[in-house]
Amino acid sequence: GHVFGLDFGQNKVPDIADLYWDQCKKTIEENTSKNRIVEHLQELAAECEYLALWLDCDKEGENICFEVISLCGGIAPDNVYRAHFSALTEPEIRYAFNNLGRPDKHLAQAVDARQELDLKIGCTFTRMMTRTFLQSAITKFRLRDQRCLSY
């Protein structure tokens, strides 16, 4: 899975619409941190001259390639390769090994854009719905000092 997750630069804003303009930041996923994956990749990369990335053959896999590349700083870009395969069969793996390509930055950037849109649209929509329904619940059930957890 992904090494990095995406979050807002500031999560508390006076107006929910401000989240659309907020800068997003990549953060290391909790499981990634807990399992020391970043440190493990960096230790291995320090001993390597070449990097061959064998990840899912889709946009998400391409994005993960660049997450890994960003952690493996000492490897020259000309020594970074990407395997493309669609099945875990011997012929597919051999073909992928014999025809290593390069990671596609544009596909990875498309995933970055989708992740940012998902975050911004999802969070703002959830907060808007929460505020709307919370106000309705307070009115309908005559509640005071209501606290809400939006998930």
Protein backbone atom coordinates (compact mmCIF):
# COMPACT_ATOMS: atom_id res chain seq x y z
CA GLY A 1 0.00 0.00 0.00
CA HIS A 2 0.87 3.65 0.08
CA VAL A 3 3.73 4.87 2.24
CA PHE A 4 2.25 8.35 2.56
CA GLY A 5 -1.21 9.62 3.38
CA LEU A 6 -2.58 13.08 2.72
CA ASP A 7 -3.86 15.57 5.28
CA PHE A 8 -4.65 19.26 5.53
CA GLY A 9 -2.00 21.76 6.56
CA GLN A 10 -4.51 23.15 9.06
CA ASN A 11 -7.57 21.16 9.96
CA LYS A 12 -9.57 23.78 11.85
CA VAL A 13 -10.80 26.63 9.72
CA PRO A 14 -13.58 29.15 10.41
CA ASP A 15 -15.32 28.41 7.12
CA ILE A 16 -15.41 24.90 5.64
CA ALA A 17 -14.88 26.34 2.16
CA ASP A 18 -11.40 27.44 3.28
CA LEU A 19 -10.36 23.77 3.22
CA TYR A 20 -10.47 23.86 -0.59
CA TRP A 21 -7.66 26.37 -0.61
CA ASP A 22 -5.70 24.83 2.23
CA GLN A 23 -2.35 23.32 1.35
CA CYS A 24 -2.25 19.54 1.74
CA LYS A 25 0.73 17.72 3.18
CA LYS A 26 1.90 14.15 2.78
CA THR A 27 2.38 12.32 6.04
CA ILE A 28 3.72 8.86 6.74
CA GLU A 29 0.86 6.39 7.25
CA GLU A 30 0.49 5.01 10.80
CA ASN A 31 1.09 1.36 9.81
CA THR A 32 4.08 2.39 7.71
CA SER A 33 5.58 4.18 10.69
CA LYS A 34 4.76 1.44 13.17
CA ASN A 35 6.35 -1.23 10.96
CA ARG A 36 9.44 0.92 10.31
CA ILE A 37 9.00 0.58 6.56
CA VAL A 38 10.60 3.96 5.83
CA GLU A 39 13.71 3.10 7.82
CA HIS A 40 13.86 -0.35 6.23
CA LEU A 41 13.66 1.07 2.68
CA GLN A 42 16.30 3.70 3.47
CA GLU A 43 18.68 1.10 4.94
CA LEU A 44 18.32 -1.11 1.87
CA ALA A 45 18.67 1.82 -0.53
CA ALA A 46 21.91 2.92 1.14
CA GLU A 47 23.45 -0.36 -0.01
CA CYS A 48 22.04 -0.29 -3.55
CA GLU A 49 23.08 1.16 -6.86
CA TYR A 50 19.91 0.18 -8.75
CA LEU A 51 16.22 0.20 -7.86
CA ALA A 52 13.68 -2.00 -9.63
CA LEU A 53 10.10 -1.36 -8.56
CA TRP A 54 7.62 -4.25 -8.79
CA LEU A 55 4.25 -2.78 -7.86
CA ASP A 56 0.70 -3.07 -9.16
CA CYS A 57 0.52 -2.12 -12.80
CA ASP A 58 -1.91 0.78 -12.37
CA LYS A 59 -1.84 4.47 -11.45
CA GLU A 60 -1.76 3.73 -7.72
CA GLY A 61 1.25 1.46 -8.23
CA GLU A 62 2.94 4.22 -10.21
CA ASN A 63 2.29 6.65 -7.37
CA ILE A 64 3.75 4.24 -4.82
CA CYS A 65 6.85 3.98 -7.05
CA PHE A 66 7.51 7.68 -6.54
CA GLU A 67 6.82 7.42 -2.81
CA VAL A 68 9.53 4.76 -2.59
CA ILE A 69 11.88 6.71 -4.87
CA SER A 70 11.53 9.76 -2.59
CA LEU A 71 12.76 7.65 0.32
CA CYS A 72 15.66 6.09 -1.57
CA GLY A 73 17.60 9.30 -2.16
CA GLY A 74 21.04 7.91 -2.96
CA ILE A 75 20.07 6.07 -6.14
CA ALA A 76 20.66 7.89 -9.43
CA PRO A 77 17.44 8.46 -11.45
CA ASP A 78 19.00 6.65 -14.43
CA ASN A 79 19.27 3.55 -12.23
CA VAL A 80 15.57 3.43 -11.30
CA TYR A 81 13.41 0.95 -13.19
CA ARG A 82 9.78 -0.17 -13.18
CA ALA A 83 8.48 -3.66 -13.92
CA HIS A 84 5.16 -3.92 -15.76
CA PHE A 85 3.24 -7.16 -15.42
CA SER A 86 -0.39 -8.19 -15.20
CA ALA A 87 -0.18 -11.68 -13.73
CA LEU A 88 2.04 -13.63 -11.36
CA THR A 89 2.99 -16.25 -13.90
CA GLU A 90 6.47 -17.25 -14.94
CA PRO A 91 6.16 -15.90 -18.52
CA GLU A 92 4.79 -12.54 -17.28
CA ILE A 93 7.50 -12.16 -14.65
CA ARG A 94 10.27 -13.09 -17.09
CA TYR A 95 8.91 -10.66 -19.67
CA ALA A 96 8.68 -7.87 -17.08
CA PHE A 97 12.24 -8.54 -15.90
CA ASN A 98 13.61 -8.50 -19.45
CA ASN A 99 11.69 -5.34 -20.37
CA LEU A 100 12.07 -3.03 -17.37
CA GLY A 101 10.81 0.49 -18.06
CA ARG A 102 10.81 3.75 -16.16
CA PRO A 103 8.24 4.99 -13.65
CA ASP A 104 5.75 7.46 -15.15
CA LYS A 105 5.70 10.72 -13.18
CA HIS A 106 2.53 11.92 -14.94
CA LEU A 107 0.50 8.90 -13.83
CA ALA A 108 1.79 9.39 -10.27
CA GLN A 109 0.81 13.07 -10.35
CA ALA A 110 -2.69 12.11 -11.53
CA VAL A 111 -3.05 10.03 -8.36
CA ASP A 112 -1.77 12.93 -6.24
CA ALA A 113 -4.45 15.17 -7.77
CA ARG A 114 -7.19 12.58 -7.21
CA GLN A 115 -6.11 12.07 -3.59
CA GLU A 116 -6.22 15.82 -2.93
CA LEU A 117 -9.66 16.14 -4.52
CA ASP A 118 -10.93 13.13 -2.54
CA LEU A 119 -9.67 14.67 0.69
CA LYS A 120 -11.00 18.16 0.07
CA ILE A 121 -14.38 17.17 -1.34
CA GLY A 122 -14.92 14.34 1.15
CA CYS A 123 -14.01 16.34 4.24
CA THR A 124 -15.91 19.44 3.30
CA PHE A 125 -19.00 17.47 2.31
CA THR A 126 -18.89 15.44 5.55
CA ARG A 127 -18.50 18.58 7.67
CA MET A 128 -21.28 20.36 5.80
CA MET A 129 -23.65 17.41 6.27
CA THR A 130 -22.70 17.07 9.94
CA ARG A 131 -23.42 20.74 10.64
CA THR A 132 -26.72 20.52 8.76
CA PHE A 133 -27.96 17.37 10.48
CA LEU A 134 -26.62 18.33 13.90
CA GLN A 135 -28.64 21.55 13.80
CA SER A 136 -31.73 19.55 12.73
CA ALA A 137 -31.21 17.03 15.55
CA ILE A 138 -30.83 19.77 18.15
CA THR A 139 -34.05 21.38 16.95
CA LYS A 140 -36.03 18.14 16.59
CA PHE A 141 -35.01 16.56 19.91
CA ARG A 142 -34.59 19.82 21.86
CA LEU A 143 -31.00 18.95 22.78
CA ARG A 144 -28.57 21.34 24.45
CA ASP A 145 -24.81 21.33 24.52
CA GLN A 146 -24.75 18.61 21.88
CA ARG A 147 -21.35 17.20 20.93
CA CYS A 148 -20.86 15.39 17.67
CA LEU A 149 -18.38 12.98 16.18
CA SER A 150 -18.45 13.04 12.40
CA TYR A 151 -17.00 9.96 10.74
